[in-house]
PDB file of N, CA and C in Angstrom:
ATOM      1  N   UNK A   1     -79.754 -27.276  -3.131  1.00  0.00           N
ATOM      2  CA  UNK A   1     -79.564 -26.687  -2.004  1.00  0.00           C
ATOM      3  C   UNK A   1     -78.424 -26.151  -1.846  1.00  0.00           C
ATOM      4  N   UNK A   2     -78.703 -24.438  -1.798  1.00  0.00           N
ATOM      5  CA  UNK A   2     -77.118 -23.617  -1.769  1.00  0.00           C
ATOM      6  C   UNK A   2     -76.516 -23.774  -0.423  1.00  0.00           C
ATOM      7  N   UNK A   3     -75.264 -24.364  -0.111  1.00  0.00           N
ATOM      8  CA  UNK A   3     -74.827 -24.060   1.329  1.00  0.00           C
ATOM      9  C   UNK A   3     -74.608 -22.419   2.280  1.00  0.00           C
ATOM     10  N   UNK A   4     -75.041 -22.356   3.018  1.00  0.00           N
ATOM     11  CA  UNK A   4     -75.116 -21.081   3.912  1.00  0.00           C
ATOM     12  C   UNK A   4     -73.670 -20.564   3.880  1.00  0.00           C
ATOM     13  N   UNK A   5     -73.648 -19.201   4.267  1.00  0.00           N
ATOM     14  CA  UNK A   5     -72.364 -18.653   4.513  1.00  0.00           C
ATOM     15  C   UNK A   5     -71.856 -19.010   5.788  1.00  0.00           C
ATOM     16  N   UNK A   6     -70.722 -18.595   5.842  1.00  0.00           N
ATOM     17  CA  UNK A   6     -69.861 -18.675   7.126  1.00  0.00           C
ATOM     18  C   UNK A   6     -70.933 -18.409   8.738  1.00  0.00           C
ATOM     19  N   UNK A   7     -71.331 -17.081   8.033  1.00  0.00           N
ATOM     20  CA  UNK A   7     -71.831 -16.235   9.084  1.00  0.00           C
ATOM     21  C   UNK A   7     -73.258 -16.884   9.450  1.00  0.00           C
ATOM     22  N   UNK A   8     -73.769 -17.314   8.461  1.00  0.00           N
ATOM     23  CA  UNK A   8     -75.133 -18.258   8.890  1.00  0.00           C
ATOM     24  C   UNK A   8     -75.165 -19.313   9.515  1.00  0.00           C
ATOM     25  N   UNK A   9     -74.066 -20.290   8.904  1.00  0.00           N
ATOM     26  CA  UNK A   9     -73.482 -21.489   9.806  1.00  0.00           C
ATOM     27  C   UNK A   9     -73.170 -21.083  11.300  1.00  0.00           C
ATOM     28  N   UNK A  10     -72.701 -19.930  11.665  1.00  0.00           N
ATOM     29  CA  UNK A  10     -71.988 -19.774  12.846  1.00  0.00           C
ATOM     30  C   UNK A  10     -73.384 -19.769  13.856  1.00  0.00           C
ATOM     31  N   UNK A  11     -74.121 -18.901  13.063  1.00  0.00           N
ATOM     32  CA  UNK A  11     -75.594 -18.353  13.899  1.00  0.00           C
ATOM     33  C   UNK A  11     -76.357 -19.878  14.172  1.00  0.00           C
ATOM     34  N   UNK A  12     -76.255 -20.451  13.176  1.00  0.00           N
ATOM     35  CA  UNK A  12     -76.927 -22.206  13.329  1.00  0.00           C
ATOM     36  C   UNK A  12     -76.602 -22.763  14.443  1.00  0.00           C
ATOM     37  N   UNK A  13     -75.215 -22.776  14.561  1.00  0.00           N
ATOM     38  CA  UNK A  13     -74.564 -23.538  15.784  1.00  0.00           C
ATOM     39  C   UNK A  13     -74.704 -22.732  17.020  1.00  0.00           C
ATOM     40  N   UNK A  14     -74.844 -21.650  16.953  1.00  0.00           N
ATOM     41  CA  UNK A  14     -75.186 -21.130  18.254  1.00  0.00           C
ATOM     42  C   UNK A  14     -76.515 -21.241  18.830  1.00  0.00           C
ATOM     43  N   UNK A  15     -77.404 -21.297  17.604  1.00  0.00           N
ATOM     44  CA  UNK A  15     -78.986 -21.702  18.375  1.00  0.00           C
ATOM     45  C   UNK A  15     -78.845 -23.141  18.733  1.00  0.00           C
ATOM     46  N   UNK A  16     -78.114 -23.697  18.254  1.00  0.00           N
ATOM     47  CA  UNK A  16     -77.735 -25.463  18.748  1.00  0.00           C
ATOM     48  C   UNK A  16     -76.929 -25.669  19.621  1.00  0.00           C
ATOM     49  N   UNK A  17     -76.477 -24.713  20.766  1.00  0.00           N
ATOM     50  CA  UNK A  17     -75.700 -25.212  21.913  1.00  0.00           C
ATOM     51  C   UNK A  17     -74.315 -24.773  21.703  1.00  0.00           C
ATOM     52  N   UNK A  18     -73.792 -24.601  20.607  1.00  0.00           N
ATOM     53  CA  UNK A  18     -72.472 -24.611  20.434  1.00  0.00           C
ATOM     54  C   UNK A  18     -71.699 -23.281  20.903  1.00  0.00           C
ATOM     55  N   UNK A  19     -70.761 -23.029  21.290  1.00  0.00           N
ATOM     56  CA  UNK A  19     -70.267 -21.755  21.843  1.00  0.00           C
ATOM     57  C   UNK A  19     -69.128 -21.467  20.941  1.00  0.00           C
ATOM     58  N   UNK A  20     -69.140 -20.093  20.836  1.00  0.00           N
ATOM     59  CA  UNK A  20     -67.574 -19.565  20.179  1.00  0.00           C
ATOM     60  C   UNK A  20     -66.482 -19.373  21.029  1.00  0.00           C
ATOM     61  N   UNK A  21     -65.648 -20.240  20.953  1.00  0.00           N
ATOM     62  CA  UNK A  21     -64.418 -20.597  22.109  1.00  0.00           C
ATOM     63  C   UNK A  21     -63.192 -19.214  21.627  1.00  0.00           C
ATOM     64  N   UNK A  22     -63.060 -19.145  20.338  1.00  0.00           N
ATOM     65  CA  UNK A  22     -62.013 -18.322  20.070  1.00  0.00           C
ATOM     66  C   UNK A  22     -62.371 -17.675  18.386  1.00  0.00           C
ATOM     67  N   UNK A  23     -61.561 -16.809  18.202  1.00  0.00           N
ATOM     68  CA  UNK A  23     -61.328 -16.265  16.530  1.00  0.00           C
ATOM     69  C   UNK A  23     -59.851 -15.876  16.376  1.00  0.00           C
ATOM     70  N   UNK A  24     -59.536 -16.685  15.225  1.00  0.00           N
ATOM     71  CA  UNK A  24     -58.330 -16.653  14.723  1.00  0.00           C
ATOM     72  C   UNK A  24     -58.317 -16.132  13.441  1.00  0.00           C
ATOM     73  N   UNK A  25     -58.054 -15.002  13.011  1.00  0.00           N
ATOM     74  CA  UNK A  25     -58.182 -14.528  11.466  1.00  0.00           C
ATOM     75  C   UNK A  25     -59.528 -14.481  11.383  1.00  0.00           C
ATOM     76  N   UNK A  26     -60.023 -15.261  10.053  1.00  0.00           N
ATOM     77  CA  UNK A  26     -61.578 -15.042   9.570  1.00  0.00           C
ATOM     78  C   UNK A  26     -62.282 -16.771  10.004  1.00  0.00           C
ATOM     79  N   UNK A  27     -61.509 -17.374  11.011  1.00  0.00           N
ATOM     80  CA  UNK A  27     -61.870 -18.650  11.335  1.00  0.00           C
ATOM     81  C   UNK A  27     -62.155 -18.514  12.643  1.00  0.00           C
ATOM     82  N   UNK A  28     -63.715 -19.018  13.056  1.00  0.00           N
ATOM     83  CA  UNK A  28     -64.635 -19.072  14.302  1.00  0.00           C
ATOM     84  C   UNK A  28     -64.159 -20.360  14.594  1.00  0.00           C
ATOM     85  N   UNK A  29     -63.998 -20.849  15.815  1.00  0.00           N
ATOM     86  CA  UNK A  29     -63.610 -22.094  16.573  1.00  0.00           C
ATOM     87  C   UNK A  29     -64.834 -22.169  17.453  1.00  0.00           C
ATOM     88  N   UNK A  30     -65.843 -23.326  17.404  1.00  0.00           N
ATOM     89  CA  UNK A  30     -66.598 -23.313  18.479  1.00  0.00           C
ATOM     90  C   UNK A  30     -66.210 -24.806  19.244  1.00  0.00           C
ATOM     91  N   UNK A  31     -66.945 -24.798  20.046  1.00  0.00           N
ATOM     92  CA  UNK A  31     -66.799 -25.728  21.418  1.00  0.00           C
ATOM     93  C   UNK A  31     -68.189 -26.011  21.706  1.00  0.00           C
ATOM     94  N   UNK A  32     -68.426 -27.488  22.234  1.00  0.00           N
ATOM     95  CA  UNK A  32     -69.773 -27.627  23.009  1.00  0.00           C
ATOM     96  C   UNK A  32     -69.626 -28.392  24.198  1.00  0.00           C
ATOM     97  N   UNK A  33     -70.113 -28.038  25.180  1.00  0.00           N
ATOM     98  CA  UNK A  33     -69.878 -28.741  26.564  1.00  0.00           C
ATOM     99  C   UNK A  33     -70.238 -30.137  26.061  1.00  0.00           C
ATOM    100  N   UNK A  34     -69.443 -31.331  26.577  1.00  0.00           N
ATOM    101  CA  UNK A  34     -69.823 -32.711  26.560  1.00  0.00           C
ATOM    102  C   UNK A  34     -69.224 -33.611  25.383  1.00  0.00           C
ATOM    103  N   UNK A  35     -68.990 -32.216  24.241  1.00  0.00           N
ATOM    104  CA  UNK A  35     -68.403 -32.966  23.100  1.00  0.00           C
ATOM    105  C   UNK A  35     -66.970 -32.717  22.821  1.00  0.00           C
ATOM    106  N   UNK A  36     -66.294 -33.497  22.441  1.00  0.00           N
ATOM    107  CA  UNK A  36     -64.549 -33.374  22.706  1.00  0.00           C
ATOM    108  C   UNK A  36     -64.350 -32.681  20.994  1.00  0.00           C
ATOM    109  N   UNK A  37     -64.892 -32.727  20.271  1.00  0.00           N
ATOM    110  CA  UNK A  37     -64.596 -31.995  19.018  1.00  0.00           C
ATOM    111  C   UNK A  37     -64.808 -30.411  19.130  1.00  0.00           C
ATOM    112  N   UNK A  38     -63.633 -29.938  18.110  1.00  0.00           N
ATOM    113  CA  UNK A  38     -63.915 -28.447  17.994  1.00  0.00           C
ATOM    114  C   UNK A  38     -64.228 -28.122  16.707  1.00  0.00           C
ATOM    115  N   UNK A  39     -65.055 -27.186  16.191  1.00  0.00           N
ATOM    116  CA  UNK A  39     -65.605 -26.869  14.717  1.00  0.00           C
ATOM    117  C   UNK A  39     -65.027 -25.628  14.347  1.00  0.00           C
ATOM    118  N   UNK A  40     -64.001 -25.681  12.961  1.00  0.00           N
ATOM    119  CA  UNK A  40     -63.621 -24.204  12.546  1.00  0.00           C
ATOM    120  C   UNK A  40     -64.338 -24.025  11.431  1.00  0.00           C
ATOM    121  N   UNK A  41     -65.164 -22.722  11.733  1.00  0.00           N
ATOM    122  CA  UNK A  41     -65.809 -22.234  10.469  1.00  0.00           C
ATOM    123  C   UNK A  41     -65.365 -21.284   9.694  1.00  0.00           C
ATOM    124  N   UNK A  42     -64.930 -21.155   8.746  1.00  0.00           N
ATOM    125  CA  UNK A  42     -64.650 -20.003   7.914  1.00  0.00           C
ATOM    126  C   UNK A  42     -65.428 -18.897   7.720  1.00  0.00           C
ATOM    127  N   UNK A  43     -65.444 -17.763   7.899  1.00  0.00           N
ATOM    128  CA  UNK A  43     -66.317 -16.576   7.495  1.00  0.00           C
ATOM    129  C   UNK A  43     -65.473 -15.496   6.674  1.00  0.00           C
ATOM    130  N   UNK A  44     -65.625 -15.789   5.290  1.00  0.00           N
ATOM    131  CA  UNK A  44     -65.158 -15.040   4.495  1.00  0.00           C
ATOM    132  C   UNK A  44     -66.092 -14.190   3.624  1.00  0.00           C
ATOM    133  N   UNK A  45     -66.247 -12.869   3.973  1.00  0.00           N
ATOM    134  CA  UNK A  45     -67.183 -12.052   3.377  1.00  0.00           C
ATOM    135  C   UNK A  45     -68.287 -12.578   2.597  1.00  0.00           C
ATOM    136  N   UNK A  46     -69.084 -13.032   3.377  1.00  0.00           N
ATOM    137  CA  UNK A  46     -70.611 -13.474   2.696  1.00  0.00           C
ATOM    138  C   UNK A  46     -70.633 -14.532   1.688  1.00  0.00           C
ATOM    139  N   UNK A  47     -69.238 -14.881   1.588  1.00  0.00           N
ATOM    140  CA  UNK A  47     -68.854 -16.214   0.507  1.00  0.00           C
ATOM    141  C   UNK A  47     -69.679 -17.600   1.151  1.00  0.00           C
ATOM    142  N   UNK A  48     -70.650 -18.292   0.366  1.00  0.00           N
ATOM    143  CA  UNK A  48     -71.164 -19.591   0.753  1.00  0.00           C
ATOM    144  C   UNK A  48     -70.181 -20.821   1.166  1.00  0.00           C
ATOM    145  N   UNK A  49     -70.297 -21.460   2.087  1.00  0.00           N
ATOM    146  CA  UNK A  49     -69.409 -22.498   2.378  1.00  0.00           C
ATOM    147  C   UNK A  49     -69.154 -23.521   1.252  1.00  0.00           C
ATOM    148  N   UNK A  50     -67.958 -23.977   0.949  1.00  0.00           N
ATOM    149  CA  UNK A  50     -67.900 -24.936   0.098  1.00  0.00           C
ATOM    150  C   UNK A  50     -68.940 -26.121   0.265  1.00  0.00           C
ATOM    151  N   UNK A  51     -69.327 -27.028  -0.659  1.00  0.00           N
ATOM    152  CA  UNK A  51     -70.479 -28.236   0.007  1.00  0.00           C
ATOM    153  C   UNK A  51     -69.709 -29.403   0.468  1.00  0.00           C
ATOM    154  N   UNK A  52     -68.487 -29.753   0.336  1.00  0.00           N
ATOM    155  CA  UNK A  52     -67.849 -30.573   1.106  1.00  0.00           C
ATOM    156  C   UNK A  52     -67.609 -30.181   2.531  1.00  0.00           C
ATOM    157  N   UNK A  53     -67.256 -28.831   2.435  1.00  0.00           N
ATOM    158  CA  UNK A  53     -66.815 -28.485   3.813  1.00  0.00           C
ATOM    159  C   UNK A  53     -67.963 -28.494   4.671  1.00  0.00           C
ATOM    160  N   UNK A  54     -69.228 -27.901   3.989  1.00  0.00           N
ATOM    161  CA  UNK A  54     -70.471 -27.751   4.825  1.00  0.00           C
ATOM    162  C   UNK A  54     -71.010 -29.089   5.262  1.00  0.00           C
ATOM    163  N   UNK A  55     -70.947 -30.019   4.631  1.00  0.00           N
ATOM    164  CA  UNK A  55     -71.566 -31.524   4.806  1.00  0.00           C
ATOM    165  C   UNK A  55     -70.479 -31.888   5.883  1.00  0.00           C
ATOM    166  N   UNK A  56     -69.179 -31.776   6.010  1.00  0.00           N
ATOM    167  CA  UNK A  56     -68.244 -32.284   6.959  1.00  0.00           C
ATOM    168  C   UNK A  56     -68.499 -31.645   8.137  1.00  0.00           C
ATOM    169  N   UNK A  57     -68.672 -30.378   8.416  1.00  0.00           N
ATOM    170  CA  UNK A  57     -69.267 -29.692   9.590  1.00  0.00           C
ATOM    171  C   UNK A  57     -70.458 -30.040  10.127  1.00  0.00           C
ATOM    172  N   UNK A  58     -71.418 -30.290   9.348  1.00  0.00           N
ATOM    173  CA  UNK A  58     -72.727 -30.997   9.573  1.00  0.00           C
ATOM    174  C   UNK A  58     -72.596 -32.272  10.388  1.00  0.00           C
ATOM    175  N   UNK A  59     -71.695 -33.010   9.775  1.00  0.00           N
ATOM    176  CA  UNK A  59     -71.646 -34.405  10.238  1.00  0.00           C
ATOM    177  C   UNK A  59     -70.658 -34.266  11.579  1.00  0.00           C
ATOM    178  N   UNK A  60     -69.626 -33.484  11.636  1.00  0.00           N
ATOM    179  CA  UNK A  60     -69.063 -33.445  12.953  1.00  0.00           C
ATOM    180  C   UNK A  60     -69.773 -32.842  14.391  1.00  0.00           C
ATOM    181  N   UNK A  61     -70.603 -32.010  13.873  1.00  0.00           N
ATOM    182  CA  UNK A  61     -71.547 -31.289  14.794  1.00  0.00           C
ATOM    183  C   UNK A  61     -72.877 -32.064  15.041  1.00  0.00           C
ATOM    184  N   UNK A  62     -73.134 -33.214  14.438  1.00  0.00           N
ATOM    185  CA  UNK A  62     -74.521 -34.067  14.440  1.00  0.00           C
ATOM    186  C   UNK A  62     -75.467 -33.581  14.745  1.00  0.00           C
ATOM    187  N   UNK A  63     -75.684 -32.358  13.787  1.00  0.00           N
ATOM    188  CA  UNK A  63     -76.814 -31.597  13.454  1.00  0.00           C
ATOM    189  C   UNK A  63     -77.332 -31.970  12.076  1.00  0.00           C
ATOM    190  N   UNK A  64     -78.783 -31.590  11.734  1.00  0.00           N
ATOM    191  CA  UNK A  64     -79.445 -31.280  10.434  1.00  0.00           C
ATOM    192  C   UNK A  64     -79.625 -30.063  10.280  1.00  0.00           C
ATOM    193  N   UNK A  65     -79.672 -29.597   8.857  1.00  0.00           N
ATOM    194  CA  UNK A  65     -79.752 -28.599   8.257  1.00  0.00           C
ATOM    195  C   UNK A  65     -81.008 -28.926   7.630  1.00  0.00           C
ATOM    196  N   UNK A  66     -81.986 -27.936   7.881  1.00  0.00           N
ATOM    197  CA  UNK A  66     -83.383 -27.910   7.451  1.00  0.00           C
ATOM    198  C   UNK A  66     -83.457 -27.041   6.132  1.00  0.00           C
TER     199      UNK A  66
END
């Protein structure tokens, strides 16, 4: 399985209740009501996320990628 791009992962988070809190450069920072964690997703011109970062973001978000 190829990891998604940062833009695709951001859309996935938004569909699952995460809210874009702010953007700093090419990093999109997401928050979710009731969750203390912030997720920082790099959005770099259509490049896929690195596998380790992708799995870490999924674990922090508590979501599953299908």
